[in-house]
Amino acid sequence: MSTGLDAVPLAPRHLPLLGHTVALLRDRPGFIASLPGRAGLVRLRLGPHTMVLVCDPALVQEVLREDRTFDKGGPFFDRAREAVGNGLATCPHGRHRRQRRLCQPAFRPARLPDYADAVTSAAYETTAAWADGQVVDVNRSMLAIANRTLATTMFGSRLPDATTRRIGEDAETIMAGAMRRMLLPAPFDRAPTPGNLRFRRARARLLETVREVIAAHRTGGAGHRDLLSDLLLAAEPDGPDDGPAGLSDQEVADQVLTFFIAGTETTAGLLSWVLYELARHPEVQDRLHAHVTRVLGGRPPRAADVPELTYVARVVDEALRLHSITWLVTRTVTRATTLGGTHLPAGTTVALSQYAVHWNPLVHPRPRVFDPDRWAGRPADRTSFIPFGSGPRRCIGDRFALQESALVLALLIGSWRFTAVTDRPARTALSAACVPRDLRLRLEARPASPGRP
């Protein structure tokens, strides 16, 4: 027998008009992680939006698996579409299968080695000016590496540094603006406030840059082995029933915006959290350095080394669990259904958060402890570990992101030791992604570091 939405408990710390916005702004991960013990489903109010947060891991998998019933929508994806259009990550179910088929060749495993040199080159260029004893803005440096990497792998030829920086800055502005706009009632998101104006200018400028690069590729991009060329050449010769055989210019632009914004802020955030935890756990950092030295023997990392960097993978997985970059996503119920014994009418907004699963002590003992060895000797369970989502909408760039993170981390740890400059915990930036704000660490040059290729 099913119950109605009224039977779903309302999360605590609810305020009139604001709902749970204040609680989330103060501590997004902690507040969400406190809810699974109350029920498998919890009602959450985010400003003007009421949604049902799914806390039970099995029910989370059901929502992710049934993407026709639980389609991408609600405040998170409504704002995401404002930023990147209807790309692969944001498009509704009716467009997704075709787009996935057309984009898949750019991310097949055989292509990953082609992108490895861009990763290591970007890391060397970004860290070339680092010096022993220097205090660095970690997230800014990791953003520079991610921006340079994706600019090269996406567009093939080297973009001017000023253009790459502007793309990265615009992407960062868009992510921060999307967060603010998700919390605002509809009339205010159209007001000419400084934040809204910055968002619109950044989005227009980034879209114009992308269109210019696409046009240049169409006229002179033959023979390039890059992501954009794969998208431009993508076609289904048999003629699918759900759309044209290839991607239109607008669809290509939406994919580029999606990959660039998703592939820079998230990867930079992940690497920043890894270095933050290594600075707080020097014994793990020393063990990681010994492992990298043993595998690489003092040379720079290559794509072929990634499967052998097993402890690097454990450290990255644990950072992904403890510091999930995506703090909340929403779905819209397209037809009346039942979830966990609760009747959900069509139009209901359902919310998912990795923190509700990754910080659940029944799923991961000692969930707030950084412990890479929890992954020793066992593969990550796709039910209890979902940093890239699951089901048909699982992130298409997951292997790309893991390879990039492993290569950058191996290179950095081979050359530098990172130490904390304060005992204060890192703060999370006000952004659509859970990334550290103003994270600074001190550098210590290691006596033997891999030379540049």
Protein backbone atom coordinates (compact mmCIF):
# COMPACT_ATOMS: atom_id res chain seq x y z
CA MET A 1 0.00 0.00 0.00
CA SER A 2 1.47 3.34 -1.03
CA THR A 3 1.39 6.61 0.87
CA GLY A 4 1.20 10.17 -0.42
CA LEU A 5 3.71 13.01 -0.39
CA ASP A 6 2.22 14.36 2.84
CA ALA A 7 3.63 11.29 4.61
CA VAL A 8 7.19 12.14 3.57
CA PRO A 9 8.87 13.85 6.56
CA LEU A 10 10.00 17.43 6.20
CA ALA A 11 13.73 17.93 6.84
CA PRO A 12 14.56 19.91 10.01
CA ARG A 13 15.91 23.49 10.17
CA HIS A 14 13.22 24.79 7.82
CA LEU A 15 12.65 28.56 7.73
CA PRO A 16 9.64 30.49 6.36
CA LEU A 17 10.11 31.53 2.71
CA LEU A 18 13.76 30.43 2.70
CA GLY A 19 13.09 26.77 3.42
CA HIS A 20 16.36 24.90 3.93
CA THR A 21 18.46 27.38 1.95
CA VAL A 22 20.27 28.77 5.00
CA ALA A 23 21.09 25.30 6.35
CA LEU A 24 22.47 24.27 2.97
CA LEU A 25 24.51 27.44 2.54
CA ARG A 26 26.10 26.91 5.95
CA ASP A 27 27.07 23.29 5.36
CA ARG A 28 25.74 21.58 2.26
CA PRO A 29 27.47 18.19 2.74
CA GLY A 30 26.88 18.00 6.48
CA PHE A 31 23.21 18.97 6.34
CA ILE A 32 22.42 16.50 3.55
CA ALA A 33 24.40 13.73 5.24
CA SER A 34 22.33 14.21 8.42
CA LEU A 35 19.07 13.30 6.64
CA PRO A 36 19.31 9.60 5.62
CA GLY A 37 18.82 8.43 9.22
CA ARG A 38 15.37 10.00 9.23
CA ALA A 39 13.78 8.20 6.26
CA GLY A 40 14.41 6.86 2.76
CA LEU A 41 12.65 9.96 1.37
CA VAL A 42 12.73 13.43 2.91
CA ARG A 43 11.01 16.62 1.79
CA LEU A 44 13.39 19.49 1.13
CA ARG A 45 12.58 23.13 0.36
CA LEU A 46 15.15 25.12 -1.55
CA GLY A 47 13.92 28.70 -1.69
CA PRO A 48 10.71 28.51 -3.72
CA HIS A 49 11.21 24.87 -4.72
CA THR A 50 9.83 21.86 -2.85
CA MET A 51 11.42 18.52 -3.68
CA VAL A 52 11.73 14.96 -2.41
CA LEU A 53 15.33 14.07 -1.49
CA VAL A 54 16.07 10.38 -2.03
CA CYS A 55 18.33 9.08 0.76
CA ASP A 56 18.14 5.29 0.48
CA PRO A 57 20.92 3.96 -1.85
CA ALA A 58 18.62 1.37 -3.46
CA LEU A 59 16.02 4.04 -4.23
CA VAL A 60 18.75 6.33 -5.60
CA GLN A 61 19.71 3.56 -8.03
CA GLU A 62 16.06 3.14 -9.04
CA VAL A 63 15.78 6.83 -9.92
CA LEU A 64 19.06 6.80 -11.86
CA ARG A 65 18.11 3.64 -13.72
CA GLU A 66 14.59 4.74 -14.70
CA ASP A 67 15.57 7.90 -16.57
CA ARG A 68 12.39 7.96 -18.65
CA THR A 69 10.21 8.25 -15.55
CA PHE A 70 12.69 10.39 -13.60
CA ASP A 71 13.78 12.76 -16.34
CA LYS A 72 16.34 15.53 -15.99
CA GLY A 73 14.52 18.62 -14.78
CA GLY A 74 13.78 20.67 -11.68
CA PRO A 75 15.74 23.70 -10.44
CA PHE A 76 19.22 22.22 -10.87
CA PHE A 77 18.85 21.25 -14.51
CA ASP A 78 16.66 24.24 -15.36
CA ARG A 79 19.60 26.45 -14.31
CA ALA A 80 22.14 24.16 -15.93
CA ARG A 81 20.32 24.48 -19.27
CA GLU A 82 20.53 28.26 -18.95
CA ALA A 83 24.30 27.83 -18.78
CA VAL A 84 25.06 25.08 -21.33
CA GLY A 85 21.89 24.53 -23.34
CA ASN A 86 20.66 21.00 -24.07
CA GLY A 87 23.96 19.16 -24.09
CA LEU A 88 24.46 15.54 -23.14
CA ALA A 89 24.39 16.21 -19.39
CA THR A 90 21.25 18.38 -19.39
CA CYS A 91 19.07 17.30 -22.33
CA PRO A 92 15.76 15.51 -21.64
CA HIS A 93 15.35 11.78 -22.12
CA GLY A 94 13.91 12.18 -25.62
CA ARG A 95 17.19 13.63 -26.90
CA HIS A 96 19.68 11.76 -24.77
CA ARG A 97 20.08 8.38 -26.49
CA ARG A 98 20.92 9.89 -29.87
CA GLN A 99 23.33 12.44 -28.39
CA ARG A 100 25.03 9.72 -26.35
CA ARG A 101 25.59 7.56 -29.43
CA LEU A 102 27.03 10.48 -31.36
CA CYS A 103 29.35 11.65 -28.56
CA GLN A 104 30.53 8.22 -27.44
CA PRO A 105 33.37 7.80 -30.00
CA ALA A 106 35.19 10.83 -28.57
CA PHE A 107 35.38 9.10 -25.17
CA ARG A 108 36.06 5.49 -26.09
CA PRO A 109 38.95 3.96 -24.12
CA ALA A 110 41.19 3.71 -27.19
CA ARG A 111 41.23 7.51 -27.44
CA LEU A 112 42.38 8.15 -23.88
CA PRO A 113 46.14 7.77 -24.58
CA ASP A 114 45.80 10.53 -27.20
CA TYR A 115 44.87 12.96 -24.44
CA ALA A 116 47.56 12.06 -21.89
CA ASP A 117 50.29 14.33 -23.30
CA ALA A 118 47.96 17.32 -23.06
CA VAL A 119 47.42 16.56 -19.36
CA THR A 120 51.10 16.33 -18.44
CA SER A 121 52.04 19.34 -20.58
CA ALA A 122 49.35 21.44 -18.90
CA ALA A 123 50.58 20.37 -15.46
CA TYR A 124 54.21 21.21 -16.28
CA GLU A 125 53.29 24.61 -17.75
CA THR A 126 51.17 25.54 -14.76
CA THR A 127 53.72 24.48 -12.14
CA ALA A 128 56.84 25.71 -13.92
CA ALA A 129 56.95 28.87 -11.80
CA TRP A 130 56.44 27.07 -8.49
CA ALA A 131 59.30 27.39 -6.00
CA ASP A 132 60.38 25.66 -2.80
CA GLY A 133 58.63 27.24 0.19
CA GLN A 134 56.02 29.05 -1.91
CA VAL A 135 52.38 29.17 -0.80
CA VAL A 136 50.10 28.51 -3.76
CA ASP A 137 46.40 29.04 -4.39
CA VAL A 138 45.66 25.36 -5.03
CA ASN A 139 42.26 25.59 -6.64
CA ARG A 140 43.41 28.38 -8.95
CA SER A 141 46.39 26.27 -10.04
CA MET A 142 44.28 23.15 -10.55
CA LEU A 143 41.79 25.20 -12.61
CA ALA A 144 44.66 26.38 -14.80
CA ILE A 145 45.74 22.77 -15.39
CA ALA A 146 42.18 21.64 -16.15
CA ASN A 147 41.54 24.61 -18.45
CA ARG A 148 44.74 24.05 -20.44
CA THR A 149 44.10 20.32 -20.65
CA LEU A 150 40.57 20.63 -21.93
CA ALA A 151 41.38 23.50 -24.29
CA THR A 152 44.00 21.29 -25.96
CA THR A 153 42.03 18.04 -25.98
CA MET A 154 38.82 19.77 -27.04
CA PHE A 155 40.17 22.08 -29.72
CA GLY A 156 43.35 20.31 -30.80
CA SER A 157 45.48 23.35 -31.51
CA ARG A 158 46.77 25.55 -28.72
CA LEU A 159 44.49 28.47 -27.90
CA PRO A 160 46.11 31.75 -26.83
CA ASP A 161 46.73 31.81 -23.08
CA ALA A 162 44.48 34.86 -22.71
CA THR A 163 41.60 33.01 -24.42
CA THR A 164 42.10 29.91 -22.27
CA ARG A 165 42.11 32.03 -19.11
CA ARG A 166 38.97 33.90 -20.20
CA ILE A 167 37.18 30.62 -20.95
CA GLY A 168 38.09 29.33 -17.50
CA GLU A 169 37.01 32.53 -15.76
CA ASP A 170 33.70 32.56 -17.63
CA ALA A 171 33.08 28.91 -16.74
CA GLU A 172 33.75 29.68 -13.07
CA THR A 173 31.37 32.68 -13.18
CA ILE A 174 28.67 30.54 -14.77
CA MET A 175 28.98 27.83 -12.11
CA ALA A 176 28.72 30.39 -9.30
CA GLY A 177 25.81 32.14 -11.02
CA ALA A 178 23.91 28.90 -11.52
CA MET A 179 24.08 28.25 -7.78
CA ARG A 180 22.69 31.67 -6.89
CA ARG A 181 19.96 31.49 -9.50
CA MET A 182 18.84 28.06 -8.31
CA LEU A 183 18.08 29.56 -4.90
CA LEU A 184 16.29 32.66 -6.19
CA PRO A 185 12.54 32.97 -6.88
CA ALA A 186 11.70 33.40 -10.56
CA PRO A 187 11.22 37.21 -10.63
CA PHE A 188 14.63 37.86 -9.08
CA ASP A 189 16.62 35.74 -11.53
CA ARG A 190 15.67 38.21 -14.27
CA ALA A 191 16.52 41.34 -12.27
CA PRO A 192 19.58 43.33 -13.45
CA THR A 193 21.58 42.55 -10.32
CA PRO A 194 25.40 42.49 -10.54
CA GLY A 195 25.42 38.69 -10.17
CA ASN A 196 22.82 38.17 -12.91
CA LEU A 197 24.62 40.58 -15.23
CA ARG A 198 27.96 38.80 -14.68
CA PHE A 199 26.29 35.47 -15.40
CA ARG A 200 24.72 36.69 -18.65
CA ARG A 201 27.89 38.38 -19.89
CA ALA A 202 30.03 35.32 -19.12
CA ARG A 203 27.57 32.98 -20.80
CA ALA A 204 27.30 35.15 -23.94
CA ARG A 205 31.09 35.59 -24.16
CA LEU A 206 31.77 31.88 -23.71
CA LEU A 207 29.18 30.91 -26.30
CA GLU A 208 30.66 33.38 -28.80
CA THR A 209 34.15 31.96 -28.24
CA VAL A 210 32.88 28.41 -28.75
CA ARG A 211 31.05 29.34 -31.95
CA GLU A 212 34.17 31.01 -33.34
CA VAL A 213 36.27 27.92 -32.63
CA ILE A 214 33.63 25.63 -34.19
CA ALA A 215 33.54 27.77 -37.33
CA ALA A 216 37.34 27.67 -37.57
CA HIS A 217 37.32 23.89 -37.16
CA ARG A 218 34.71 23.46 -39.87
CA THR A 219 36.92 25.28 -42.35
CA GLY A 220 40.33 24.00 -41.32
CA GLY A 221 40.04 21.23 -38.80
CA ALA A 222 40.49 18.20 -41.05
CA GLY A 223 42.87 15.62 -39.64
CA HIS A 224 42.72 16.86 -36.04
CA ARG A 225 42.50 14.19 -33.33
CA ASP A 226 40.52 16.17 -30.79
CA LEU A 227 37.12 16.07 -29.14
CA LEU A 228 35.63 18.85 -31.26
CA SER A 229 36.58 17.12 -34.52
CA ASP A 230 34.95 13.92 -33.28
CA LEU A 231 31.75 15.84 -32.52
CA LEU A 232 31.74 17.57 -35.90
CA LEU A 233 32.29 14.29 -37.74
CA ALA A 234 29.84 12.27 -35.65
CA ALA A 235 27.17 10.62 -37.78
CA GLU A 236 24.91 7.58 -37.81
CA PRO A 237 24.85 6.29 -41.40
CA ASP A 238 21.76 4.14 -40.82
CA GLY A 239 19.66 7.19 -40.04
CA PRO A 240 18.26 6.99 -36.48
CA ASP A 241 14.58 7.45 -35.81
CA ASP A 242 15.14 9.97 -33.00
CA GLY A 243 16.84 12.77 -34.90
CA PRO A 244 19.23 13.77 -37.71
CA ALA A 245 22.24 11.58 -38.47
CA GLY A 246 24.73 14.14 -37.15
CA LEU A 247 24.93 16.95 -34.59
CA SER A 248 23.84 20.44 -35.62
CA ASP A 249 26.11 23.42 -34.92
CA GLN A 250 23.91 24.35 -31.95
CA GLU A 251 24.12 20.81 -30.57
CA VAL A 252 27.91 20.83 -31.00
CA ALA A 253 28.09 24.17 -29.19
CA ASP A 254 25.97 22.79 -26.35
CA GLN A 255 28.24 19.74 -26.04
CA VAL A 256 31.39 21.87 -25.99
CA LEU A 257 29.95 24.16 -23.31
CA THR A 258 28.87 21.13 -21.29
CA PHE A 259 32.22 19.34 -21.51
CA PHE A 260 34.21 22.47 -20.79
CA ILE A 261 32.25 23.64 -17.77
CA ALA A 262 31.79 20.11 -16.39
CA GLY A 263 35.34 19.05 -17.17
CA THR A 264 37.21 21.97 -15.64
CA GLU A 265 35.53 22.97 -12.39
CA THR A 266 34.89 19.37 -11.33
CA THR A 267 38.37 18.00 -12.10
CA ALA A 268 40.06 21.04 -10.55
CA GLY A 269 37.87 20.65 -7.47
CA LEU A 270 38.70 16.95 -7.16
CA LEU A 271 42.47 17.56 -7.41
CA SER A 272 42.23 20.40 -4.90
CA TRP A 273 40.43 18.20 -2.38
CA VAL A 274 43.01 15.43 -2.90
CA LEU A 275 45.89 17.81 -2.14
CA TYR A 276 44.00 19.24 0.83
CA GLU A 277 43.58 15.78 2.35
CA LEU A 278 47.18 14.80 1.60
CA ALA A 279 48.40 17.92 3.39
CA ARG A 280 46.26 16.95 6.40
CA HIS A 281 47.44 13.33 6.28
CA PRO A 282 51.21 13.41 5.69
CA GLU A 283 51.53 9.65 6.26
CA VAL A 284 49.20 9.05 3.30
CA GLN A 285 51.14 11.56 1.22
CA ASP A 286 54.46 9.84 2.02
CA ARG A 287 53.01 6.46 1.12
CA LEU A 288 51.62 7.88 -2.12
CA HIS A 289 55.00 9.38 -3.03
CA ALA A 290 56.74 6.05 -2.39
CA HIS A 291 54.17 4.26 -4.55
CA VAL A 292 54.52 6.75 -7.42
CA THR A 293 58.31 6.57 -7.23
CA ARG A 294 58.24 2.77 -7.30
CA VAL A 295 55.92 2.63 -10.32
CA LEU A 296 57.48 5.44 -12.36
CA GLY A 297 61.11 5.20 -11.29
CA GLY A 298 61.52 8.98 -11.45
CA ARG A 299 60.19 9.46 -15.00
CA PRO A 300 57.06 11.41 -15.98
CA PRO A 301 53.76 9.49 -15.94
CA ARG A 302 52.16 8.17 -19.12
CA ALA A 303 48.70 6.85 -19.93
CA ALA A 304 50.02 3.27 -19.83
CA ASP A 305 51.06 3.79 -16.19
CA VAL A 306 47.58 4.59 -14.92
CA PRO A 307 46.48 0.95 -14.34
CA GLU A 308 49.64 0.39 -12.27
CA LEU A 309 49.08 3.46 -10.08
CA THR A 310 46.73 1.53 -7.80
CA TYR A 311 47.29 3.58 -4.66
CA VAL A 312 46.74 6.77 -6.66
CA ALA A 313 43.36 5.32 -7.67
CA ARG A 314 42.49 4.60 -4.02
CA VAL A 315 43.38 8.14 -2.97
CA VAL A 316 41.32 9.63 -5.80
CA ASP A 317 38.33 7.37 -5.07
CA GLU A 318 38.41 8.31 -1.39
CA ALA A 319 38.52 12.02 -2.26
CA LEU A 320 35.58 11.50 -4.62
CA ARG A 321 33.65 9.81 -1.81
CA LEU A 322 34.49 12.28 0.92
CA HIS A 323 34.25 15.41 -1.24
CA SER A 324 31.63 14.76 -3.91
CA ILE A 325 31.82 17.65 -6.37
CA THR A 326 28.14 17.50 -7.34
CA TRP A 327 26.18 18.24 -4.17
CA LEU A 328 22.65 18.05 -5.54
CA VAL A 329 20.89 17.18 -8.80
CA THR A 330 17.17 17.13 -9.54
CA ARG A 331 14.81 15.04 -11.63
CA THR A 332 11.19 15.59 -12.70
CA VAL A 333 8.66 12.77 -12.48
CA THR A 334 7.18 12.49 -15.98
CA ARG A 335 4.37 10.10 -15.09
CA ALA A 336 2.78 9.08 -11.80
CA THR A 337 4.86 6.41 -10.11
CA THR A 338 5.67 4.84 -6.75
CA LEU A 339 9.08 5.12 -5.13
CA GLY A 340 9.79 3.31 -1.89
CA GLY A 341 6.08 2.91 -1.22
CA THR A 342 5.34 6.62 -1.76
CA HIS A 343 3.10 7.76 -4.58
CA LEU A 344 4.75 10.53 -6.64
CA PRO A 345 2.44 12.45 -8.99
CA ALA A 346 3.68 13.57 -12.38
CA GLY A 347 5.55 16.85 -12.04
CA THR A 348 7.08 16.03 -8.65
CA THR A 349 10.68 17.21 -8.29
CA VAL A 350 13.01 14.51 -6.97
CA ALA A 351 16.48 15.40 -5.65
CA LEU A 352 19.58 13.23 -5.40
CA SER A 353 22.80 13.92 -3.52
CA GLN A 354 25.95 11.83 -3.43
CA TYR A 355 26.51 12.99 0.16
CA ALA A 356 23.36 11.16 1.26
CA VAL A 357 25.03 7.93 0.11
CA HIS A 358 28.76 8.60 0.48
CA TRP A 359 28.48 9.93 4.05
CA ASN A 360 25.99 7.31 5.23
CA PRO A 361 27.65 5.33 8.08
CA LEU A 362 25.55 2.25 7.24
CA VAL A 363 27.10 2.26 3.77
CA HIS A 364 30.60 3.57 4.51
CA PRO A 365 31.83 3.09 8.12
CA ARG A 366 33.55 6.18 9.57
CA PRO A 367 32.25 8.19 6.60
CA ARG A 368 33.98 11.48 7.47
CA VAL A 369 37.42 9.90 7.82
CA PHE A 370 39.81 10.10 4.86
CA ASP A 371 40.88 6.47 4.47
CA PRO A 372 42.09 5.33 1.02
CA ASP A 373 42.54 1.80 2.36
CA ARG A 374 38.78 1.34 2.55
CA TRP A 375 39.08 0.60 -1.18
CA ALA A 376 41.92 -1.93 -0.80
CA GLY A 377 41.24 -5.29 -2.38
CA ARG A 378 37.73 -4.49 -3.56
CA PRO A 379 36.25 -2.60 -6.48
CA ALA A 380 34.04 0.37 -5.79
CA ASP A 381 30.41 -0.74 -5.41
CA ARG A 382 28.35 1.11 -8.01
CA THR A 383 25.39 1.12 -5.63
CA SER A 384 27.19 2.79 -2.73
CA PHE A 385 29.77 4.78 -4.70
CA ILE A 386 28.34 7.03 -7.41
CA PRO A 387 30.72 9.99 -8.02
CA PHE A 388 29.86 9.93 -11.74
CA GLY A 389 26.23 8.94 -11.36
CA SER A 390 24.85 5.62 -12.56
CA GLY A 391 22.52 4.13 -15.12
CA PRO A 392 21.96 5.46 -18.66
CA ARG A 393 22.96 9.03 -17.68
CA ARG A 394 26.30 8.09 -16.07
CA CYS A 395 28.94 10.71 -16.91
CA ILE A 396 30.40 10.00 -20.33
CA GLY A 397 33.74 11.53 -19.37
CA ASP A 398 34.39 9.48 -16.23
CA ARG A 399 37.41 7.61 -17.64
CA PHE A 400 38.82 10.85 -19.03
CA ALA A 401 38.51 12.53 -15.62
CA LEU A 402 40.06 9.60 -13.75
CA GLN A 403 43.00 9.40 -16.15
CA GLU A 404 43.58 13.15 -15.94
CA SER A 405 43.42 13.12 -12.15
CA ALA A 406 45.81 10.17 -11.85
CA LEU A 407 48.38 11.69 -14.22
CA VAL A 408 48.32 15.12 -12.60
CA LEU A 409 48.47 13.71 -9.09
CA ALA A 410 51.38 11.38 -9.92
CA LEU A 411 53.30 14.24 -11.50
CA LEU A 412 52.67 16.66 -8.64
CA ILE A 413 53.45 14.20 -5.84
CA GLY A 414 56.59 13.10 -7.67
CA SER A 415 57.87 16.68 -7.61
CA TRP A 416 56.39 18.37 -4.55
CA ARG A 417 55.35 17.84 -0.96
CA PHE A 418 52.26 19.79 0.15
CA THR A 419 51.81 21.06 3.69
CA ALA A 420 48.96 22.96 5.33
CA VAL A 421 49.39 26.61 6.31
CA THR A 422 46.47 26.59 8.75
CA ASP A 423 44.61 24.10 10.92
CA ARG A 424 41.24 25.51 9.87
CA PRO A 425 39.11 23.19 7.72
CA ALA A 426 38.71 24.23 4.11
CA ARG A 427 35.55 26.15 3.23
CA THR A 428 33.34 25.27 0.30
CA ALA A 429 32.84 27.88 -2.40
CA LEU A 430 29.36 29.18 -3.20
CA SER A 431 29.09 27.40 -6.53
CA ALA A 432 27.05 24.73 -8.27
CA ALA A 433 30.03 22.46 -7.56
CA CYS A 434 31.40 21.65 -4.08
CA VAL A 435 34.92 22.98 -4.55
CA PRO A 436 37.25 24.44 -1.88
CA ARG A 437 37.45 28.20 -1.53
CA ASP A 438 40.74 30.04 -1.01
CA LEU A 439 42.68 26.82 -0.40
CA ARG A 440 46.38 27.57 0.03
CA LEU A 441 49.15 25.06 0.66
CA ARG A 442 52.90 25.37 1.09
CA LEU A 443 55.25 23.69 -1.37
CA GLU A 444 58.35 21.70 -0.54
CA ALA A 445 60.43 20.61 -3.52
CA ARG A 446 61.36 16.94 -3.47
CA PRO A 447 65.03 16.15 -4.10
CA ALA A 448 64.39 13.88 -7.05
CA SER A 449 61.51 14.85 -9.35
CA PRO A 450 60.61 13.57 -12.80
CA GLY A 451 62.04 15.59 -15.64
CA ARG A 452 59.87 17.15 -18.24
CA PRO A 453 59.43 15.01 -21.37
